[in-house]
C-alpha atoms as a PDB file:
ATOM      1  CA  MET A   1     143.628  46.815  58.319  1.00  0.00           C
ATOM      2  CA  ASN A   2     146.293  47.467  55.804  1.00  0.00           C
ATOM      3  CA  SER A   3     149.454  49.372  57.284  1.00  0.00           C
ATOM      4  CA  SER A   4     151.074  49.319  53.616  1.00  0.00           C
ATOM      5  CA  GLY A   5     154.631  50.234  55.689  1.00  0.00           C
ATOM      6  CA  ARG A   6     152.986  52.919  57.536  1.00  0.00           C
ATOM      7  CA  ASP A   7     153.423  50.150  61.065  1.00  0.00           C
ATOM      8  CA  ASP A   8     156.460  51.919  62.168  1.00  0.00           C
ATOM      9  CA  GLY A   9     156.992  55.676  62.797  1.00  0.00           C
ATOM     10  CA  ILE A  10     155.662  57.914  65.670  1.00  0.00           C
ATOM     11  CA  LEU A  11     151.800  58.608  66.232  1.00  0.00           C
ATOM     12  CA  VAL A  12     150.649  62.108  67.055  1.00  0.00           C
ATOM     13  CA  ILE A  13     147.879  63.561  69.346  1.00  0.00           C
ATOM     14  CA  THR A  14     147.706  66.993  69.896  1.00  0.00           C
ATOM     15  CA  GLY A  15     145.117  68.033  72.306  1.00  0.00           C
ATOM     16  CA  ALA A  16     145.270  64.986  74.085  1.00  0.00           C
ATOM     17  CA  THR A  17     143.664  66.043  76.953  1.00  0.00           C
ATOM     18  CA  GLY A  18     140.724  67.612  75.742  1.00  0.00           C
ATOM     19  CA  TRP A  19     136.983  65.859  74.836  1.00  0.00           C
ATOM     20  CA  VAL A  20     138.099  64.660  71.159  1.00  0.00           C
ATOM     21  CA  GLY A  21     141.897  64.080  72.541  1.00  0.00           C
ATOM     22  CA  ARG A  22     141.153  61.622  74.823  1.00  0.00           C
ATOM     23  CA  THR A  23     138.750  59.763  72.628  1.00  0.00           C
ATOM     24  CA  ALA A  24     141.245  59.759  70.174  1.00  0.00           C
ATOM     25  CA  ALA A  25     144.002  58.175  72.418  1.00  0.00           C
ATOM     26  CA  HIS A  26     141.309  55.853  73.700  1.00  0.00           C
ATOM     27  CA  GLU A  27     140.193  54.841  70.268  1.00  0.00           C
ATOM     28  CA  LEU A  28     143.978  54.067  69.193  1.00  0.00           C
ATOM     29  CA  GLN A  29     144.122  51.812  71.913  1.00  0.00           C
ATOM     30  CA  ARG A  30     141.902  49.630  69.942  1.00  0.00           C
ATOM     31  CA  LEU A  31     144.308  49.174  67.465  1.00  0.00           C
ATOM     32  CA  LEU A  32     147.446  48.897  68.679  1.00  0.00           C
ATOM     33  CA  SER A  33     148.797  46.463  71.984  1.00  0.00           C
ATOM     34  CA  PRO A  34     150.153  48.432  75.283  1.00  0.00           C
ATOM     35  CA  ASP A  35     153.385  47.892  74.310  1.00  0.00           C
ATOM     36  CA  GLN A  36     153.158  49.097  70.626  1.00  0.00           C
ATOM     37  CA  PHE A  37     150.948  52.489  72.224  1.00  0.00           C
ATOM     38  CA  LEU A  38     153.709  53.186  74.142  1.00  0.00           C
ATOM     39  CA  ARG A  39     156.391  52.839  71.640  1.00  0.00           C
ATOM     40  CA  ARG A  40     154.657  54.594  69.285  1.00  0.00           C
ATOM     41  CA  VAL A  41     152.042  57.014  70.093  1.00  0.00           C
ATOM     42  CA  ARG A  42     153.184  60.611  71.857  1.00  0.00           C
ATOM     43  CA  LEU A  43     150.394  62.657  73.445  1.00  0.00           C
ATOM     44  CA  PHE A  44     150.553  66.779  73.824  1.00  0.00           C
ATOM     45  CA  ALA A  45     148.625  69.256  75.638  1.00  0.00           C
ATOM     46  CA  SER A  46     149.539  72.446  76.779  1.00  0.00           C
ATOM     47  CA  ARG A  47     151.434  70.995  79.958  1.00  0.00           C
ATOM     48  CA  THR A  48     153.190  67.765  81.039  1.00  0.00           C
ATOM     49  CA  GLY A  49     151.205  65.658  82.554  1.00  0.00           C
ATOM     50  CA  SER A  50     149.756  62.026  81.877  1.00  0.00           C
ATOM     51  CA  ILE A  51     146.429  60.477  81.725  1.00  0.00           C
ATOM     52  CA  LEU A  52     144.934  56.761  82.625  1.00  0.00           C
ATOM     53  CA  SER A  53     144.641  54.127  79.757  1.00  0.00           C
ATOM     54  CA  SER A  54     141.157  53.047  79.039  1.00  0.00           C
ATOM     55  CA  GLY A  55     140.852  51.310  75.889  1.00  0.00           C
ATOM     56  CA  TYR A  56     141.938  47.610  77.138  1.00  0.00           C
ATOM     57  CA  THR A  57     139.774  45.167  78.513  1.00  0.00           C
ATOM     58  CA  ASP A  58     142.228  42.856  79.519  1.00  0.00           C
ATOM     59  CA  VAL A  59     145.142  44.695  80.654  1.00  0.00           C
ATOM     60  CA  ALA A  60     145.570  46.801  84.024  1.00  0.00           C
ATOM     61  CA  PRO A  61     145.379  50.678  83.330  1.00  0.00           C
ATOM     62  CA  PHE A  62     148.105  52.386  83.003  1.00  0.00           C
ATOM     63  CA  LEU A  63     149.491  56.210  82.864  1.00  0.00           C
ATOM     64  CA  ILE A  64     150.434  57.222  79.451  1.00  0.00           C
ATOM     65  CA  PRO A  65     152.910  60.380  79.786  1.00  0.00           C
ATOM     66  CA  VAL A  66     151.776  63.824  78.032  1.00  0.00           C
ATOM     67  CA  PHE A  67     154.136  66.105  76.645  1.00  0.00           C
ATOM     68  CA  PRO A  68     153.769  70.033  76.283  1.00  0.00           C
ATOM     69  CA  LEU A  69     153.020  71.247  72.970  1.00  0.00           C
ATOM     70  CA  LYS A  70     155.924  73.419  72.614  1.00  0.00           C
ATOM     71  CA  ASP A  71     157.898  69.922  72.602  1.00  0.00           C
ATOM     72  CA  LEU A  72     156.022  68.760  69.513  1.00  0.00           C
ATOM     73  CA  ALA A  73     158.748  70.374  66.796  1.00  0.00           C
ATOM     74  CA  ASP A  74     161.887  69.190  68.278  1.00  0.00           C
ATOM     75  CA  LEU A  75     160.285  65.766  68.293  1.00  0.00           C
ATOM     76  CA  ALA A  76     159.245  66.207  64.690  1.00  0.00           C
ATOM     77  CA  SER A  77     163.042  66.776  63.584  1.00  0.00           C
ATOM     78  CA  LEU A  78     164.250  63.891  65.866  1.00  0.00           C
ATOM     79  CA  GLU A  79     162.012  60.528  64.684  1.00  0.00           C
ATOM     80  CA  PRO A  80     159.632  59.425  61.847  1.00  0.00           C
ATOM     81  CA  LEU A  81     156.390  61.114  62.132  1.00  0.00           C
ATOM     82  CA  ASN A  82     153.467  58.775  60.089  1.00  0.00           C
ATOM     83  CA  ALA A  83     150.900  61.050  61.372  1.00  0.00           C
ATOM     84  CA  VAL A  84     149.288  63.816  63.640  1.00  0.00           C
ATOM     85  CA  LEU A  85     145.745  63.765  64.278  1.00  0.00           C
ATOM     86  CA  HIS A  86     145.080  67.722  65.572  1.00  0.00           C
ATOM     87  CA  THR A  87     142.711  68.169  68.075  1.00  0.00           C
ATOM     88  CA  ALA A  88     144.615  70.959  70.695  1.00  0.00           C
ATOM     89  CA  PHE A  89     142.363  74.315  70.082  1.00  0.00           C
ATOM     90  CA  LEU A  90     141.323  77.013  72.803  1.00  0.00           C
ATOM     91  CA  THR A  91     137.574  77.158  72.232  1.00  0.00           C
ATOM     92  CA  ARG A  92     135.113  79.484  71.809  1.00  0.00           C
ATOM     93  CA  ASP A  93     134.120  80.179  75.668  1.00  0.00           C
ATOM     94  CA  ARG A  94     138.207  80.857  76.505  1.00  0.00           C
ATOM     95  CA  VAL A  95     137.940  84.419  74.681  1.00  0.00           C
ATOM     96  CA  ALA A  96     135.841  85.735  77.617  1.00  0.00           C
ATOM     97  CA  GLN A  97     138.193  84.195  80.120  1.00  0.00           C
ATOM     98  CA  VAL A  98     141.183  85.161  78.231  1.00  0.00           C
ATOM     99  CA  GLY A  99     140.793  88.064  76.484  1.00  0.00           C
ATOM    100  CA  GLN A 100     140.655  88.366  72.856  1.00  0.00           C
ATOM    101  CA  ASP A 101     144.427  89.317  72.286  1.00  0.00           C
ATOM    102  CA  ASP A 102     145.766  86.504  74.156  1.00  0.00           C
ATOM    103  CA  TYR A 103     143.391  84.312  72.797  1.00  0.00           C
ATOM    104  CA  VAL A 104     143.999  85.167  69.135  1.00  0.00           C
ATOM    105  CA  ALA A 105     148.169  84.491  70.271  1.00  0.00           C
ATOM    106  CA  THR A 106     147.689  81.140  72.452  1.00  0.00           C
ATOM    107  CA  ASN A 107     145.719  79.719  69.559  1.00  0.00           C
ATOM    108  CA  ARG A 108     148.350  80.960  66.517  1.00  0.00           C
ATOM    109  CA  TRP A 109     151.035  79.481  68.882  1.00  0.00           C
ATOM    110  CA  ILE A 110     148.942  76.221  68.850  1.00  0.00           C
ATOM    111  CA  THR A 111     148.622  76.166  64.812  1.00  0.00           C
ATOM    112  CA  SER A 112     152.635  76.970  64.378  1.00  0.00           C
ATOM    113  CA  GLN A 113     153.878  74.634  66.576  1.00  0.00           C
ATOM    114  CA  VAL A 114     151.841  71.973  64.440  1.00  0.00           C
ATOM    115  CA  ALA A 115     152.976  73.903  61.385  1.00  0.00           C
ATOM    116  CA  SER A 116     156.598  73.535  62.157  1.00  0.00           C
ATOM    117  CA  ALA A 117     156.107  69.741  62.930  1.00  0.00           C
ATOM    118  CA  LEU A 118     154.489  68.966  59.497  1.00  0.00           C
ATOM    119  CA  THR A 119     157.190  70.734  57.660  1.00  0.00           C
ATOM    120  CA  ALA A 120     159.969  68.796  59.242  1.00  0.00           C
ATOM    121  CA  ALA A 121     157.258  65.557  58.332  1.00  0.00           C
ATOM    122  CA  PRO A 122     156.342  65.849  54.912  1.00  0.00           C
ATOM    123  CA  ASP A 123     155.835  61.971  54.281  1.00  0.00           C
ATOM    124  CA  ALA A 124     153.180  62.454  57.418  1.00  0.00           C
ATOM    125  CA  ARG A 125     149.598  61.978  57.182  1.00  0.00           C
ATOM    126  CA  ALA A 126     147.689  64.562  58.993  1.00  0.00           C
ATOM    127  CA  VAL A 127     143.591  64.638  60.280  1.00  0.00           C
ATOM    128  CA  VAL A 128     143.296  68.424  61.701  1.00  0.00           C
ATOM    129  CA  ILE A 129     140.096  68.664  63.670  1.00  0.00           C
ATOM    130  CA  SER A 130     138.319  71.868  63.135  1.00  0.00           C
ATOM    131  CA  SER A 131     134.896  73.079  63.392  1.00  0.00           C
ATOM    132  CA  GLY A 132     131.729  73.998  61.453  1.00  0.00           C
ATOM    133  CA  ALA A 133     132.407  77.673  62.582  1.00  0.00           C
ATOM    134  CA  ALA A 134     134.707  77.776  60.116  1.00  0.00           C
ATOM    135  CA  ALA A 135     132.493  77.200  57.379  1.00  0.00           C
ATOM    136  CA  VAL A 136     131.150  80.687  56.707  1.00  0.00           C
ATOM    137  CA  HIS A 137     134.436  81.918  55.876  1.00  0.00           C
ATOM    138  CA  ASP A 138     134.892  79.685  53.026  1.00  0.00           C
ATOM    139  CA  HIS A 139     133.501  82.442  50.823  1.00  0.00           C
ATOM    140  CA  ASP A 140     134.363  85.388  52.930  1.00  0.00           C
ATOM    141  CA  SER A 141     136.576  87.919  51.651  1.00  0.00           C
ATOM    142  CA  GLY A 142     136.166  90.142  55.114  1.00  0.00           C
ATOM    143  CA  ARG A 143     137.132  87.691  57.661  1.00  0.00           C
ATOM    144  CA  ASP A 144     136.638  89.428  61.285  1.00  0.00           C
ATOM    145  CA  LEU A 145     138.878  88.027  64.356  1.00  0.00           C
ATOM    146  CA  VAL A 146     136.864  90.748  66.315  1.00  0.00           C
ATOM    147  CA  THR A 147     133.330  89.857  65.321  1.00  0.00           C
ATOM    148  CA  ASP A 148     134.513  85.945  65.556  1.00  0.00           C
ATOM    149  CA  PRO A 149     138.003  85.004  66.766  1.00  0.00           C
ATOM    150  CA  TYR A 150     136.847  81.548  67.080  1.00  0.00           C
ATOM    151  CA  GLY A 151     135.463  80.980  63.575  1.00  0.00           C
ATOM    152  CA  VAL A 152     138.242  82.892  61.642  1.00  0.00           C
ATOM    153  CA  LEU A 153     141.200  80.664  63.694  1.00  0.00           C
ATOM    154  CA  LYS A 154     140.279  77.958  62.436  1.00  0.00           C
ATOM    155  CA  TRP A 155     139.391  78.510  58.860  1.00  0.00           C
ATOM    156  CA  GLU A 156     143.169  80.337  59.080  1.00  0.00           C
ATOM    157  CA  GLU A 157     144.416  76.984  60.905  1.00  0.00           C
ATOM    158  CA  GLU A 158     142.917  74.911  57.898  1.00  0.00           C
ATOM    159  CA  GLN A 159     144.056  76.692  55.358  1.00  0.00           C
ATOM    160  CA  MET A 160     147.364  76.738  56.467  1.00  0.00           C
ATOM    161  CA  LEU A 161     147.861  73.010  57.741  1.00  0.00           C
ATOM    162  CA  SER A 162     146.310  71.828  54.905  1.00  0.00           C
ATOM    163  CA  SER A 163     148.519  73.381  52.597  1.00  0.00           C
ATOM    164  CA  LEU A 164     151.713  71.551  53.961  1.00  0.00           C
ATOM    165  CA  LEU A 165     151.019  67.770  53.017  1.00  0.00           C
ATOM    166  CA  PRO A 166     149.838  66.041  50.336  1.00  0.00           C
ATOM    167  CA  SER A 167     147.694  63.794  52.750  1.00  0.00           C
ATOM    168  CA  CYS A 168     145.333  66.015  55.145  1.00  0.00           C
ATOM    169  CA  LEU A 169     142.199  65.970  56.171  1.00  0.00           C
ATOM    170  CA  VAL A 170     140.043  68.303  57.801  1.00  0.00           C
ATOM    171  CA  LEU A 171     136.679  67.642  59.710  1.00  0.00           C
ATOM    172  CA  ARG A 172     134.332  70.110  61.158  1.00  0.00           C
ATOM    173  CA  LEU A 173     132.852  69.069  63.480  1.00  0.00           C
ATOM    174  CA  TYR A 174     129.447  70.619  65.011  1.00  0.00           C
ATOM    175  CA  ALA A 175     127.546  68.791  67.692  1.00  0.00           C
ATOM    176  CA  LEU A 176     129.517  66.579  69.620  1.00  0.00           C
ATOM    177  CA  SER A 177     128.678  63.271  71.871  1.00  0.00           C
ATOM    178  CA  GLY A 178     130.633  60.864  73.273  1.00  0.00           C
ATOM    179  CA  GLN A 179     132.261  59.406  76.350  1.00  0.00           C
ATOM    180  CA  PHE A 180     134.639  61.831  77.468  1.00  0.00           C
ATOM    181  CA  ILE A 181     132.321  65.247  77.402  1.00  0.00           C
ATOM    182  CA  ARG A 182     134.375  67.926  79.138  1.00  0.00           C
ATOM    183  CA  GLU A 183     132.036  70.652  81.434  1.00  0.00           C
ATOM    184  CA  PRO A 184     129.017  68.528  79.948  1.00  0.00           C
ATOM    185  CA  SER A 185     127.047  72.047  81.334  1.00  0.00           C
ATOM    186  CA  ARG A 186     127.999  73.591  78.306  1.00  0.00           C
ATOM    187  CA  PHE A 187     126.133  71.373  75.938  1.00  0.00           C
ATOM    188  CA  ALA A 188     122.817  70.788  75.449  1.00  0.00           C
ATOM    189  CA  LEU A 189     123.491  66.929  75.358  1.00  0.00           C
ATOM    190  CA  GLY A 190     125.592  66.975  78.622  1.00  0.00           C
ATOM    191  CA  ASP A 191     123.140  69.547  79.975  1.00  0.00           C
ATOM    192  CA  PHE A 192     120.072  67.091  79.693  1.00  0.00           C
ATOM    193  CA  LEU A 193     122.080  64.102  80.661  1.00  0.00           C
ATOM    194  CA  LEU A 194     123.043  65.258  83.775  1.00  0.00           C
ATOM    195  CA  LYS A 195     119.415  66.191  84.540  1.00  0.00           C
ATOM    196  CA  ALA A 196     118.719  62.552  83.748  1.00  0.00           C
ATOM    197  CA  MET A 197     121.275  61.086  86.158  1.00  0.00           C
ATOM    198  CA  ARG A 198     119.477  63.771  88.473  1.00  0.00           C
ATOM    199  CA  LYS A 199     115.896  62.153  87.325  1.00  0.00           C
ATOM    200  CA  GLU A 200     114.677  65.917  86.800  1.00  0.00           C
ATOM    201  CA  SER A 201     112.881  67.544  83.928  1.00  0.00           C
ATOM    202  CA  ILE A 202     114.514  68.456  81.021  1.00  0.00           C
ATOM    203  CA  ARG A 203     113.822  72.571  80.525  1.00  0.00           C
ATOM    204  CA  LEU A 204     114.115  73.607  76.977  1.00  0.00           C
ATOM    205  CA  ASP A 205     114.363  77.507  77.423  1.00  0.00           C
ATOM    206  CA  SER A 206     114.306  79.126  73.257  1.00  0.00           C
ATOM    207  CA  THR A 207     111.480  79.886  71.768  1.00  0.00           C
ATOM    208  CA  ASN A 208     112.776  78.921  68.493  1.00  0.00           C
ATOM    209  CA  PRO A 209     113.367  75.483  67.407  1.00  0.00           C
ATOM    210  CA  VAL A 210     117.350  74.215  67.311  1.00  0.00           C
ATOM    211  CA  LEU A 211     118.620  72.223  65.016  1.00  0.00           C
ATOM    212  CA  ARG A 212     122.113  70.589  65.792  1.00  0.00           C
ATOM    213  CA  SER A 213     124.360  68.649  63.334  1.00  0.00           C
ATOM    214  CA  TYR A 214     125.732  65.501  65.464  1.00  0.00           C
ATOM    215  CA  ALA A 215     128.023  62.786  65.232  1.00  0.00           C
ATOM    216  CA  ASN A 216     130.219  60.735  68.337  1.00  0.00           C
ATOM    217  CA  ALA A 217     133.466  61.473  69.221  1.00  0.00           C
ATOM    218  CA  GLY A 218     134.497  57.801  68.732  1.00  0.00           C
ATOM    219  CA  ASP A 219     133.079  57.558  65.178  1.00  0.00           C
ATOM    220  CA  ILE A 220     135.079  60.811  64.511  1.00  0.00           C
ATOM    221  CA  THR A 221     138.488  59.374  65.594  1.00  0.00           C
ATOM    222  CA  ALA A 222     138.146  55.850  64.809  1.00  0.00           C
ATOM    223  CA  PHE A 223     137.333  57.132  61.421  1.00  0.00           C
ATOM    224  CA  ALA A 224     140.224  59.708  61.327  1.00  0.00           C
ATOM    225  CA  TRP A 225     142.446  56.602  62.610  1.00  0.00           C
ATOM    226  CA  ARG A 226     141.425  54.208  59.657  1.00  0.00           C
ATOM    227  CA  TRP A 227     142.004  57.242  57.396  1.00  0.00           C
ATOM    228  CA  LEU A 228     145.595  57.937  58.812  1.00  0.00           C
ATOM    229  CA  LEU A 229     146.412  54.451  58.637  1.00  0.00           C
ATOM    230  CA  ASN A 230     145.121  52.649  55.901  1.00  0.00           C
ATOM    231  CA  GLY A 231     147.595  52.318  52.856  1.00  0.00           C
ATOM    232  CA  ASN A 232     145.022  53.669  50.346  1.00  0.00           C
ATOM    233  CA  VAL A 233     143.009  56.346  51.302  1.00  0.00           C
ATOM    234  CA  LYS A 234     139.894  58.432  49.568  1.00  0.00           C
ATOM    235  CA  ASN A 235     139.213  62.131  50.305  1.00  0.00           C
ATOM    236  CA  SER A 236     142.967  63.049  50.730  1.00  0.00           C
ATOM    237  CA  SER A 237     143.325  66.743  50.962  1.00  0.00           C
ATOM    238  CA  LYS A 238     139.563  67.553  51.685  1.00  0.00           C
ATOM    239  CA  VAL A 239     137.521  69.238  53.888  1.00  0.00           C
ATOM    240  CA  LEU A 240     134.471  67.153  55.375  1.00  0.00           C
ATOM    241  CA  ALA A 241     131.709  68.026  57.831  1.00  0.00           C
ATOM    242  CA  ALA A 242     131.925  65.357  60.687  1.00  0.00           C
ATOM    243  CA  THR A 243     127.996  65.050  61.288  1.00  0.00           C
ATOM    244  CA  SER A 244     126.528  61.356  61.071  1.00  0.00           C
ATOM    245  CA  CYS A 245     122.708  62.783  61.671  1.00  0.00           C
ATOM    246  CA  THR A 246     120.698  65.763  62.421  1.00  0.00           C
ATOM    247  CA  THR A 247     118.275  66.580  65.027  1.00  0.00           C
ATOM    248  CA  ASN A 248     116.416  69.046  67.091  1.00  0.00           C
ATOM    249  CA  LEU A 249     116.510  69.317  70.756  1.00  0.00           C
ATOM    250  CA  PHE A 250     113.159  68.952  71.303  1.00  0.00           C
ATOM    251  CA  ASP A 251     113.116  65.250  69.846  1.00  0.00           C
ATOM    252  CA  LEU A 252     116.407  64.903  71.792  1.00  0.00           C
ATOM    253  CA  ALA A 253     115.203  66.008  74.965  1.00  0.00           C
ATOM    254  CA  SER A 254     111.906  63.723  74.292  1.00  0.00           C
ATOM    255  CA  LEU A 255     114.317  60.596  73.605  1.00  0.00           C
ATOM    256  CA  ILE A 256     116.493  61.475  76.630  1.00  0.00           C
ATOM    257  CA  THR A 257     113.117  61.997  78.647  1.00  0.00           C
ATOM    258  CA  ARG A 258     111.875  58.287  77.640  1.00  0.00           C
ATOM    259  CA  LEU A 259     115.297  56.303  77.609  1.00  0.00           C
ATOM    260  CA  TYR A 260     115.814  57.356  81.475  1.00  0.00           C
ATOM    261  CA  ASP A 261     112.053  57.667  82.503  1.00  0.00           C
ATOM    262  CA  LEU A 262     111.877  61.359  83.183  1.00  0.00           C
ATOM    263  CA  PRO A 263     108.996  63.873  84.171  1.00  0.00           C
ATOM    264  CA  PRO A 264     107.668  65.763  80.932  1.00  0.00           C
ATOM    265  CA  ILE A 265     110.011  68.205  78.885  1.00  0.00           C
ATOM    266  CA  GLN A 266     109.113  72.105  79.688  1.00  0.00           C
ATOM    267  CA  SER A 267     109.348  74.027  76.955  1.00  0.00           C
ATOM    268  CA  ASN A 268     107.627  77.113  75.379  1.00  0.00           C
ATOM    269  CA  MET A 269     108.970  76.621  71.988  1.00  0.00           C
ATOM    270  CA  ASP A 270     106.990  77.801  69.065  1.00  0.00           C
ATOM    271  CA  PRO A 271     107.403  74.994  66.204  1.00  0.00           C
ATOM    272  CA  ALA A 272     106.737  77.715  63.899  1.00  0.00           C
ATOM    273  CA  ALA A 273     108.926  80.015  64.714  1.00  0.00           C
ATOM    274  CA  VAL A 274     112.332  80.507  62.614  1.00  0.00           C
ATOM    275  CA  PRO A 275     114.770  78.138  63.616  1.00  0.00           C
ATOM    276  CA  ASN A 276     118.032  78.285  64.908  1.00  0.00           C
ATOM    277  CA  SER A 277     120.136  76.004  62.677  1.00  0.00           C
ATOM    278  CA  TYR A 278     123.820  74.896  63.285  1.00  0.00           C
ATOM    279  CA  THR A 279     123.836  72.057  60.565  1.00  0.00           C
ATOM    280  CA  ALA A 280     125.370  70.423  58.402  1.00  0.00           C
ATOM    281  CA  ASP A 281     124.714  67.546  55.163  1.00  0.00           C
ATOM    282  CA  ALA A 282     125.971  64.134  56.666  1.00  0.00           C
ATOM    283  CA  GLU A 283     125.714  62.074  53.231  1.00  0.00           C
ATOM    284  CA  PRO A 284     129.443  62.706  52.984  1.00  0.00           C
ATOM    285  CA  PHE A 285     130.641  62.132  55.838  1.00  0.00           C
ATOM    286  CA  LEU A 286     128.803  58.869  56.094  1.00  0.00           C
ATOM    287  CA  LEU A 287     129.831  57.726  52.695  1.00  0.00           C
ATOM    288  CA  ALA A 288     133.651  58.194  53.953  1.00  0.00           C
ATOM    289  CA  MET A 289     132.751  56.102  57.260  1.00  0.00           C
ATOM    290  CA  HIS A 290     131.789  53.607  54.803  1.00  0.00           C
ATOM    291  CA  ASP A 291     134.570  53.381  52.750  1.00  0.00           C
ATOM    292  CA  GLN A 292     136.528  52.622  55.960  1.00  0.00           C
ATOM    293  CA  ASP A 293     134.414  49.651  56.644  1.00  0.00           C
ATOM    294  CA  LEU A 294     132.782  52.022  59.787  1.00  0.00           C
ATOM    295  CA  VAL A 295     129.265  52.037  60.695  1.00  0.00           C
ATOM    296  CA  PRO A 296     128.417  55.555  62.661  1.00  0.00           C
ATOM    297  CA  MET A 297     126.090  55.281  65.923  1.00  0.00           C
ATOM    298  CA  SER A 298     122.542  56.524  66.053  1.00  0.00           C
ATOM    299  CA  ILE A 299     121.117  59.233  67.893  1.00  0.00           C
ATOM    300  CA  GLU A 300     120.001  56.896  70.446  1.00  0.00           C
ATOM    301  CA  GLN A 301     122.884  55.237  70.737  1.00  0.00           C
ATOM    302  CA  GLN A 302     125.045  58.525  71.028  1.00  0.00           C
ATOM    303  CA  VAL A 303     123.110  59.266  73.461  1.00  0.00           C
ATOM    304  CA  ILE A 304     124.094  56.422  75.704  1.00  0.00           C
ATOM    305  CA  ASP A 305     127.466  56.416  74.846  1.00  0.00           C
ATOM    306  CA  THR A 306     127.292  59.867  76.263  1.00  0.00           C
ATOM    307  CA  PHE A 307     125.549  59.266  79.099  1.00  0.00           C
ATOM    308  CA  ASN A 308     127.631  56.224  80.110  1.00  0.00           C
ATOM    309  CA  GLY A 309     130.503  58.061  80.385  1.00  0.00           C
ATOM    310  CA  LEU A 310     129.171  61.114  82.533  1.00  0.00           C
ATOM    311  CA  SER A 311     128.287  58.033  85.042  1.00  0.00           C
ATOM    312  CA  LYS A 312     132.056  56.710  84.679  1.00  0.00           C
ATOM    313  CA  SER A 313     133.024  60.297  84.894  1.00  0.00           C
ATOM    314  CA  LYS A 314     133.661  62.512  88.298  1.00  0.00           C
ATOM    315  CA  PHE A 315     129.938  64.318  87.096  1.00  0.00           C
ATOM    316  CA  ALA A 316     128.319  61.216  88.078  1.00  0.00           C
ATOM    317  CA  THR A 317     128.887  61.951  92.090  1.00  0.00           C
ATOM    318  CA  GLN A 318     127.942  65.719  91.540  1.00  0.00           C
ATOM    319  CA  SER A 319     124.528  65.270  90.729  1.00  0.00           C
END
């Protein structure tokens, strides 16, 4: 990797205890020695804590400190930031848990903390992890927080943060796979794999075909670090749908059933019905990965990677 003078300075991950943030820390450990990692990397989350290193095979696991996000702006004013990988955000399901007003206020506060840090570090590069939910608002003149707080807030954050730096890339996630999945029962892939761990039949409740565009969290964050740390970057100041393949959930369930020798799928899906589709064209992201000399996982590899992560997690003992 060509560091091109970018081998000093601080590397920031926000949302470091979440699925994408935890993966980002793991992938960065592949690029830096333990000493370099502890010296240069700062992890931020909602509160003070720590995570256990997971990216080194020849070094005993060690604790990596996690700092509260409220301290990020102070860090940016005191130390030179080279790169920020921003993943922190309250997900859509949290609206019901915290209430709409607090949900909006918290996410806007998160965005403001990152904006303050980027304002103090105009020479840094940033990757903003966003969502396909923002895409529907690209040509929407009447964005309604009441009906779609998550999508609107994501879109607002993209606009604000990408305007602050000349080198800022927004990656919109659709469906995700990967080792550090949290609350797997909330996601179709996670739910299917929990059933696979119990050797149960996968059940599809939708009578309509369900189409989803997937990418692996490891692939996405590996790409983000290449883009952030390479001397010459392409795709500057733009938005990219971070998807590498599209599948329907019946085919995904069939693949998992075959891989893990499960009983037959239970489904009343009508293949002629109007599909439930949350997808994006994968070609731009595949080309961008190729530019960084990366090869994305196939959907089968993504399934196996996610299953292996679940097998090493607390969810294995709950199955």
